PDB file of N, CA and C in Angstrom:
ATOM      1  N   UNK A   1     -21.265   6.581  -8.727  1.00  0.00           N
ATOM      2  CA  UNK A   1     -20.645   6.620  -8.144  1.00  0.00           C
ATOM      3  C   UNK A   1     -20.763   6.121  -6.898  1.00  0.00           C
ATOM      4  N   UNK A   2     -19.400   6.258  -6.396  1.00  0.00           N
ATOM      5  CA  UNK A   2     -18.914   5.826  -5.266  1.00  0.00           C
ATOM      6  C   UNK A   2     -19.539   6.939  -4.124  1.00  0.00           C
ATOM      7  N   UNK A   3     -20.040   5.609  -2.726  1.00  0.00           N
ATOM      8  CA  UNK A   3     -20.154   6.532  -1.583  1.00  0.00           C
ATOM      9  C   UNK A   3     -19.389   7.459  -0.735  1.00  0.00           C
ATOM     10  N   UNK A   4     -19.187   8.345  -0.677  1.00  0.00           N
ATOM     11  CA  UNK A   4     -18.572   9.397   0.280  1.00  0.00           C
ATOM     12  C   UNK A   4     -18.079   8.516   1.476  1.00  0.00           C
ATOM     13  N   UNK A   5     -16.908   7.931   1.511  1.00  0.00           N
ATOM     14  CA  UNK A   5     -16.100   7.367   2.819  1.00  0.00           C
ATOM     15  C   UNK A   5     -15.680   8.194   3.927  1.00  0.00           C
ATOM     16  N   UNK A   6     -15.588   9.264   3.569  1.00  0.00           N
ATOM     17  CA  UNK A   6     -14.824  10.361   4.890  1.00  0.00           C
ATOM     18  C   UNK A   6     -13.532  10.656   3.997  1.00  0.00           C
ATOM     19  N   UNK A   7     -13.100  11.697   5.261  1.00  0.00           N
ATOM     20  CA  UNK A   7     -11.890  11.827   4.313  1.00  0.00           C
ATOM     21  C   UNK A   7     -10.735  11.125   4.478  1.00  0.00           C
ATOM     22  N   UNK A   8     -10.621   9.624   5.450  1.00  0.00           N
ATOM     23  CA  UNK A   8      -9.941   8.960   5.863  1.00  0.00           C
ATOM     24  C   UNK A   8      -9.532   8.310   4.086  1.00  0.00           C
ATOM     25  N   UNK A   9     -10.851   8.210   3.719  1.00  0.00           N
ATOM     26  CA  UNK A   9     -10.185   7.316   2.251  1.00  0.00           C
ATOM     27  C   UNK A   9     -10.113   8.021   1.596  1.00  0.00           C
ATOM     28  N   UNK A  10      -9.132   8.226   0.727  1.00  0.00           N
ATOM     29  CA  UNK A  10      -8.618   9.204  -0.664  1.00  0.00           C
ATOM     30  C   UNK A  10      -9.449   9.126  -1.786  1.00  0.00           C
ATOM     31  N   UNK A  11      -9.287   7.865  -2.394  1.00  0.00           N
ATOM     32  CA  UNK A  11      -9.878   7.131  -3.324  1.00  0.00           C
ATOM     33  C   UNK A  11     -11.453   6.215  -3.537  1.00  0.00           C
ATOM     34  N   UNK A  12     -12.816   6.593  -3.340  1.00  0.00           N
ATOM     35  CA  UNK A  12     -13.705   5.881  -2.641  1.00  0.00           C
ATOM     36  C   UNK A  12     -14.209   4.893  -3.878  1.00  0.00           C
ATOM     37  N   UNK A  13     -13.884   5.418  -5.136  1.00  0.00           N
ATOM     38  CA  UNK A  13     -14.277   4.056  -5.960  1.00  0.00           C
ATOM     39  C   UNK A  13     -13.350   3.290  -6.340  1.00  0.00           C
ATOM     40  N   UNK A  14     -12.009   3.616  -5.313  1.00  0.00           N
ATOM     41  CA  UNK A  14     -11.131   2.503  -5.582  1.00  0.00           C
ATOM     42  C   UNK A  14     -11.094   1.551  -4.216  1.00  0.00           C
ATOM     43  N   UNK A  15     -11.753   2.383  -2.920  1.00  0.00           N
ATOM     44  CA  UNK A  15     -11.784   1.117  -2.048  1.00  0.00           C
ATOM     45  C   UNK A  15     -13.150   0.512  -2.261  1.00  0.00           C
ATOM     46  N   UNK A  16     -14.045   1.204  -2.923  1.00  0.00           N
ATOM     47  CA  UNK A  16     -15.530   0.271  -3.183  1.00  0.00           C
ATOM     48  C   UNK A  16     -14.915  -1.054  -4.205  1.00  0.00           C
ATOM     49  N   UNK A  17     -14.333  -1.330  -5.127  1.00  0.00           N
ATOM     50  CA  UNK A  17     -14.069  -2.096  -5.977  1.00  0.00           C
ATOM     51  C   UNK A  17     -12.969  -3.033  -4.988  1.00  0.00           C
ATOM     52  N   UNK A  18     -12.525  -2.389  -4.370  1.00  0.00           N
ATOM     53  CA  UNK A  18     -11.268  -3.175  -3.520  1.00  0.00           C
ATOM     54  C   UNK A  18     -12.562  -4.728  -2.908  1.00  0.00           C
ATOM     55  N   UNK A  19     -13.120  -3.310  -2.070  1.00  0.00           N
ATOM     56  CA  UNK A  19     -14.157  -4.474  -0.797  1.00  0.00           C
ATOM     57  C   UNK A  19     -15.226  -5.375  -1.518  1.00  0.00           C
ATOM     58  N   UNK A  20     -15.673  -5.010  -2.819  1.00  0.00           N
ATOM     59  CA  UNK A  20     -16.759  -5.952  -3.661  1.00  0.00           C
ATOM     60  C   UNK A  20     -15.683  -6.926  -3.813  1.00  0.00           C
ATOM     61  N   UNK A  21     -13.860  -6.811  -4.524  1.00  0.00           N
ATOM     62  CA  UNK A  21     -13.195  -8.224  -4.882  1.00  0.00           C
ATOM     63  C   UNK A  21     -13.240  -9.303  -3.196  1.00  0.00           C
ATOM     64  N   UNK A  22     -13.467  -8.058  -2.163  1.00  0.00           N
ATOM     65  CA  UNK A  22     -12.637  -9.204  -1.101  1.00  0.00           C
ATOM     66  C   UNK A  22     -11.718  -8.897  -0.272  1.00  0.00           C
ATOM     67  N   UNK A  23     -11.383  -7.831  -0.399  1.00  0.00           N
ATOM     68  CA  UNK A  23      -9.889  -7.069   0.428  1.00  0.00           C
ATOM     69  C   UNK A  23     -10.772  -6.955   1.595  1.00  0.00           C
ATOM     70  N   UNK A  24     -10.233  -6.432   2.903  1.00  0.00           N
ATOM     71  CA  UNK A  24     -10.436  -6.024   3.908  1.00  0.00           C
ATOM     72  C   UNK A  24     -10.683  -4.498   4.097  1.00  0.00           C
ATOM     73  N   UNK A  25     -11.496  -4.052   4.590  1.00  0.00           N
ATOM     74  CA  UNK A  25     -11.435  -2.006   5.118  1.00  0.00           C
ATOM     75  C   UNK A  25     -10.082  -2.082   5.666  1.00  0.00           C
ATOM     76  N   UNK A  26      -9.147  -2.295   5.912  1.00  0.00           N
ATOM     77  CA  UNK A  26      -8.195  -1.760   6.077  1.00  0.00           C
ATOM     78  C   UNK A  26      -7.135  -2.150   5.270  1.00  0.00           C
ATOM     79  N   UNK A  27      -6.914  -2.951   4.468  1.00  0.00           N
ATOM     80  CA  UNK A  27      -6.070  -3.498   3.394  1.00  0.00           C
ATOM     81  C   UNK A  27      -6.704  -2.244   2.051  1.00  0.00           C
ATOM     82  N   UNK A  28      -7.765  -2.323   1.387  1.00  0.00           N
ATOM     83  CA  UNK A  28      -8.856  -1.560   0.800  1.00  0.00           C
ATOM     84  C   UNK A  28      -8.403   0.057   1.312  1.00  0.00           C
ATOM     85  N   UNK A  29      -8.389   0.294   2.374  1.00  0.00           N
ATOM     86  CA  UNK A  29      -8.276   1.732   2.571  1.00  0.00           C
ATOM     87  C   UNK A  29      -6.608   1.789   2.331  1.00  0.00           C
ATOM     88  N   UNK A  30      -5.777   1.080   2.642  1.00  0.00           N
ATOM     89  CA  UNK A  30      -4.029   1.375   2.700  1.00  0.00           C
ATOM     90  C   UNK A  30      -3.720   1.410   0.718  1.00  0.00           C
ATOM     91  N   UNK A  31      -4.549   0.946  -0.123  1.00  0.00           N
ATOM     92  CA  UNK A  31      -4.389   0.314  -1.455  1.00  0.00           C
ATOM     93  C   UNK A  31      -4.968   1.866  -2.017  1.00  0.00           C
ATOM     94  N   UNK A  32      -6.095   1.924  -1.993  1.00  0.00           N
ATOM     95  CA  UNK A  32      -6.817   3.309  -2.045  1.00  0.00           C
ATOM     96  C   UNK A  32      -6.267   4.320  -1.859  1.00  0.00           C
ATOM     97  N   UNK A  33      -5.312   4.913  -0.522  1.00  0.00           N
ATOM     98  CA  UNK A  33      -5.136   5.825   0.106  1.00  0.00           C
ATOM     99  C   UNK A  33      -3.711   6.424  -1.145  1.00  0.00           C
ATOM    100  N   UNK A  34      -3.145   4.906  -1.363  1.00  0.00           N
ATOM    101  CA  UNK A  34      -1.888   4.984  -1.614  1.00  0.00           C
ATOM    102  C   UNK A  34      -1.331   5.118  -3.294  1.00  0.00           C
ATOM    103  N   UNK A  35      -2.862   4.672  -3.792  1.00  0.00           N
ATOM    104  CA  UNK A  35      -2.705   5.339  -5.347  1.00  0.00           C
ATOM    105  C   UNK A  35      -3.212   7.079  -5.505  1.00  0.00           C
ATOM    106  N   UNK A  36      -3.765   7.195  -4.506  1.00  0.00           N
ATOM    107  CA  UNK A  36      -4.382   8.542  -4.030  1.00  0.00           C
ATOM    108  C   UNK A  36      -2.997   9.940  -4.446  1.00  0.00           C
ATOM    109  N   UNK A  37      -2.269   8.980  -3.392  1.00  0.00           N
ATOM    110  CA  UNK A  37      -1.175  10.135  -3.121  1.00  0.00           C
ATOM    111  C   UNK A  37       0.155   9.194  -4.062  1.00  0.00           C
ATOM    112  N   UNK A  38       0.264   8.709  -4.810  1.00  0.00           N
ATOM    113  CA  UNK A  38       0.807   8.576  -5.882  1.00  0.00           C
ATOM    114  C   UNK A  38       2.014   7.191  -5.229  1.00  0.00           C
ATOM    115  N   UNK A  39       1.674   6.570  -4.516  1.00  0.00           N
ATOM    116  CA  UNK A  39       2.948   5.713  -3.553  1.00  0.00           C
ATOM    117  C   UNK A  39       2.589   4.113  -4.358  1.00  0.00           C
ATOM    118  N   UNK A  40       1.643   4.128  -4.984  1.00  0.00           N
ATOM    119  CA  UNK A  40       1.071   2.679  -5.080  1.00  0.00           C
ATOM    120  C   UNK A  40       2.199   2.351  -6.398  1.00  0.00           C
ATOM    121  N   UNK A  41       2.862   1.333  -6.355  1.00  0.00           N
ATOM    122  CA  UNK A  41       3.532   0.456  -7.033  1.00  0.00           C
ATOM    123  C   UNK A  41       2.424  -0.259  -8.176  1.00  0.00           C
ATOM    124  N   UNK A  42       3.174   0.431  -9.506  1.00  0.00           N
ATOM    125  CA  UNK A  42       2.185   0.125 -10.544  1.00  0.00           C
ATOM    126  C   UNK A  42       2.446  -1.138 -11.360  1.00  0.00           C
ATOM    127  N   UNK A  43       3.841  -1.665 -10.857  1.00  0.00           N
ATOM    128  CA  UNK A  43       3.731  -2.886 -11.738  1.00  0.00           C
ATOM    129  C   UNK A  43       4.970  -2.345 -12.126  1.00  0.00           C
ATOM    130  N   UNK A  44       5.514  -0.864 -12.321  1.00  0.00           N
ATOM    131  CA  UNK A  44       6.474   0.171 -12.688  1.00  0.00           C
ATOM    132  C   UNK A  44       7.517  -0.593 -11.948  1.00  0.00           C
ATOM    133  N   UNK A  45       8.835   0.810 -11.846  1.00  0.00           N
ATOM    134  CA  UNK A  45       9.996   0.156 -10.609  1.00  0.00           C
ATOM    135  C   UNK A  45      10.304   1.168  -9.749  1.00  0.00           C
ATOM    136  N   UNK A  46       9.104   1.690  -9.254  1.00  0.00           N
ATOM    137  CA  UNK A  46       9.002   2.805  -8.043  1.00  0.00           C
ATOM    138  C   UNK A  46       9.140   2.287  -7.055  1.00  0.00           C
ATOM    139  N   UNK A  47       9.296   0.896  -6.384  1.00  0.00           N
ATOM    140  CA  UNK A  47       9.541   0.360  -5.087  1.00  0.00           C
ATOM    141  C   UNK A  47      10.642   0.400  -5.314  1.00  0.00           C
ATOM    142  N   UNK A  48      11.813  -0.088  -6.412  1.00  0.00           N
ATOM    143  CA  UNK A  48      12.746  -0.795  -6.702  1.00  0.00           C
ATOM    144  C   UNK A  48      13.768   0.575  -6.694  1.00  0.00           C
ATOM    145  N   UNK A  49      12.766   1.589  -7.248  1.00  0.00           N
ATOM    146  CA  UNK A  49      14.133   3.609  -7.077  1.00  0.00           C
ATOM    147  C   UNK A  49      14.099   3.918  -6.027  1.00  0.00           C
ATOM    148  N   UNK A  50      13.026   3.530  -4.573  1.00  0.00           N
ATOM    149  CA  UNK A  50      13.038   3.754  -3.427  1.00  0.00           C
ATOM    150  C   UNK A  50      14.419   3.365  -2.667  1.00  0.00           C
ATOM    151  N   UNK A  51      15.045   4.433  -1.724  1.00  0.00           N
ATOM    152  CA  UNK A  51      16.245   3.387  -0.715  1.00  0.00           C
ATOM    153  C   UNK A  51      16.020   2.089   0.334  1.00  0.00           C
ATOM    154  N   UNK A  52      16.414   1.585   0.872  1.00  0.00           N
ATOM    155  CA  UNK A  52      16.196   0.866   1.420  1.00  0.00           C
ATOM    156  C   UNK A  52      15.172   1.532   2.675  1.00  0.00           C
ATOM    157  N   UNK A  53      16.056   2.662   3.282  1.00  0.00           N
ATOM    158  CA  UNK A  53      15.416   3.546   4.137  1.00  0.00           C
ATOM    159  C   UNK A  53      13.880   3.724   4.132  1.00  0.00           C
ATOM    160  N   UNK A  54      14.000   4.134   3.045  1.00  0.00           N
ATOM    161  CA  UNK A  54      12.112   4.408   2.199  1.00  0.00           C
ATOM    162  C   UNK A  54      11.518   2.913   2.731  1.00  0.00           C
ATOM    163  N   UNK A  55      11.652   1.990   1.934  1.00  0.00           N
ATOM    164  CA  UNK A  55      11.007   1.292   1.951  1.00  0.00           C
ATOM    165  C   UNK A  55      10.804   0.616   3.637  1.00  0.00           C
ATOM    166  N   UNK A  56      12.032   0.549   4.116  1.00  0.00           N
ATOM    167  CA  UNK A  56      11.526   0.348   5.846  1.00  0.00           C
ATOM    168  C   UNK A  56      10.510   1.002   6.305  1.00  0.00           C
ATOM    169  N   UNK A  57      10.558   2.148   6.222  1.00  0.00           N
ATOM    170  CA  UNK A  57      10.418   2.886   6.639  1.00  0.00           C
ATOM    171  C   UNK A  57       7.902   2.606   6.249  1.00  0.00           C
ATOM    172  N   UNK A  58       8.278   1.976   4.979  1.00  0.00           N
ATOM    173  CA  UNK A  58       6.383   1.576   4.292  1.00  0.00           C
ATOM    174  C   UNK A  58       6.422   0.788   5.137  1.00  0.00           C
ATOM    175  N   UNK A  59       7.496  -0.627   5.245  1.00  0.00           N
ATOM    176  CA  UNK A  59       6.962  -2.002   5.793  1.00  0.00           C
ATOM    177  C   UNK A  59       6.128  -0.759   7.234  1.00  0.00           C
ATOM    178  N   UNK A  60       7.471  -0.643   8.373  1.00  0.00           N
ATOM    179  CA  UNK A  60       7.195  -0.281   9.693  1.00  0.00           C
ATOM    180  C   UNK A  60       5.642   0.740   9.897  1.00  0.00           C
ATOM    181  N   UNK A  61       4.973   1.174   8.734  1.00  0.00           N
ATOM    182  CA  UNK A  61       3.636   2.115   8.803  1.00  0.00           C
ATOM    183  C   UNK A  61       2.957   1.047   8.205  1.00  0.00           C
ATOM    184  N   UNK A  62       3.062   0.116   7.851  1.00  0.00           N
ATOM    185  CA  UNK A  62       1.812  -0.775   6.972  1.00  0.00           C
ATOM    186  C   UNK A  62       2.099  -2.098   8.351  1.00  0.00           C
ATOM    187  N   UNK A  63       3.227  -1.968   9.059  1.00  0.00           N
ATOM    188  CA  UNK A  63       3.210  -3.335   9.994  1.00  0.00           C
ATOM    189  C   UNK A  63       3.956  -4.973   9.163  1.00  0.00           C
ATOM    190  N   UNK A  64       4.718  -4.738   8.985  1.00  0.00           N
ATOM    191  CA  UNK A  64       4.916  -5.577   8.004  1.00  0.00           C
ATOM    192  C   UNK A  64       6.205  -6.163   9.380  1.00  0.00           C
ATOM    193  N   UNK A  65       5.944  -7.404   9.753  1.00  0.00           N
ATOM    194  CA  UNK A  65       6.966  -8.198  10.926  1.00  0.00           C
ATOM    195  C   UNK A  65       8.148  -8.595  10.212  1.00  0.00           C
ATOM    196  N   UNK A  66       9.440  -8.566  11.206  1.00  0.00           N
ATOM    197  CA  UNK A  66      10.496  -8.869  10.256  1.00  0.00           C
ATOM    198  C   UNK A  66      11.333  -8.354   9.805  1.00  0.00           C
ATOM    199  N   UNK A  67      10.846  -6.877   9.452  1.00  0.00           N
ATOM    200  CA  UNK A  67      11.687  -5.922   8.396  1.00  0.00           C
ATOM    201  C   UNK A  67      13.220  -5.719   9.057  1.00  0.00           C
ATOM    202  N   UNK A  68      13.263  -5.559   9.820  1.00  0.00           N
ATOM    203  CA  UNK A  68      14.865  -5.435  10.219  1.00  0.00           C
ATOM    204  C   UNK A  68      15.613  -6.741   9.567  1.00  0.00           C
ATOM    205  N   UNK A  69      14.933  -7.673   9.867  1.00  0.00           N
ATOM    206  CA  UNK A  69      16.310  -8.307   8.791  1.00  0.00           C
ATOM    207  C   UNK A  69      16.453  -8.599   7.303  1.00  0.00           C
ATOM    208  N   UNK A  70      15.245  -7.634   6.607  1.00  0.00           N
ATOM    209  CA  UNK A  70      15.028  -8.214   5.278  1.00  0.00           C
ATOM    210  C   UNK A  70      16.209  -6.739   4.389  1.00  0.00           C
ATOM    211  N   UNK A  71      16.578  -7.700   3.498  1.00  0.00           N
ATOM    212  CA  UNK A  71      17.177  -6.367   2.493  1.00  0.00           C
ATOM    213  C   UNK A  71      16.360  -6.019   1.489  1.00  0.00           C
ATOM    214  N   UNK A  72      16.705  -4.823   0.570  1.00  0.00           N
ATOM    215  CA  UNK A  72      15.974  -3.958  -0.397  1.00  0.00           C
ATOM    216  C   UNK A  72      14.993  -5.133  -0.476  1.00  0.00           C
ATOM    217  N   UNK A  73      15.574  -6.264  -1.825  1.00  0.00           N
ATOM    218  CA  UNK A  73      14.870  -7.406  -1.919  1.00  0.00           C
ATOM    219  C   UNK A  73      13.475  -7.325  -1.574  1.00  0.00           C
ATOM    220  N   UNK A  74      13.715  -8.107  -0.269  1.00  0.00           N
ATOM    221  CA  UNK A  74      13.050  -8.969   0.650  1.00  0.00           C
ATOM    222  C   UNK A  74      11.725  -7.306   1.079  1.00  0.00           C
ATOM    223  N   UNK A  75      12.256  -6.400   1.298  1.00  0.00           N
ATOM    224  CA  UNK A  75      11.506  -5.186   1.959  1.00  0.00           C
ATOM    225  C   UNK A  75      10.790  -5.356   0.132  1.00  0.00           C
ATOM    226  N   UNK A  76      11.441  -4.639  -0.977  1.00  0.00           N
ATOM    227  CA  UNK A  76       9.758  -4.710  -1.956  1.00  0.00           C
ATOM    228  C   UNK A  76       8.992  -5.964  -1.613  1.00  0.00           C
ATOM    229  N   UNK A  77       9.290  -6.881  -1.759  1.00  0.00           N
ATOM    230  CA  UNK A  77       8.440  -7.923  -2.032  1.00  0.00           C
ATOM    231  C   UNK A  77       7.694  -8.321  -0.629  1.00  0.00           C
ATOM    232  N   UNK A  78       7.663  -7.936   0.431  1.00  0.00           N
ATOM    233  CA  UNK A  78       6.853  -8.131   1.500  1.00  0.00           C
ATOM    234  C   UNK A  78       5.848  -6.775   1.307  1.00  0.00           C
ATOM    235  N   UNK A  79       6.535  -5.966   0.728  1.00  0.00           N
ATOM    236  CA  UNK A  79       5.243  -4.374   0.288  1.00  0.00           C
ATOM    237  C   UNK A  79       3.960  -4.823  -0.251  1.00  0.00           C
ATOM    238  N   UNK A  80       5.160  -5.592  -1.710  1.00  0.00           N
ATOM    239  CA  UNK A  80       3.747  -5.763  -2.613  1.00  0.00           C
ATOM    240  C   UNK A  80       2.940  -6.694  -2.039  1.00  0.00           C
ATOM    241  N   UNK A  81       3.381  -7.808  -1.478  1.00  0.00           N
ATOM    242  CA  UNK A  81       2.443  -9.293  -0.987  1.00  0.00           C
ATOM    243  C   UNK A  81       1.189  -8.341  -0.085  1.00  0.00           C
ATOM    244  N   UNK A  82       1.813  -7.499   0.865  1.00  0.00           N
ATOM    245  CA  UNK A  82       1.258  -7.033   2.014  1.00  0.00           C
ATOM    246  C   UNK A  82      -0.371  -5.932   1.543  1.00  0.00           C
TER     247      UNK A  82
END
């Protein structure tokens, strides 16, 4: 069983798995929390179903630079890569 990382980490098991695989604390927390709240793209079409404005807001939240010049496809790729 994963240890409790506090209220900031919403999925402790996934967080620990990602950290064991070498992900940074920030990236592991971001992915674990996105999975827990249902916003993580799981290979399906969730990101593609979002509007460009929604993708832009998410890109801003996670700190993707150059987002203002990106079209919807570029935003999807950048979010997945980040």
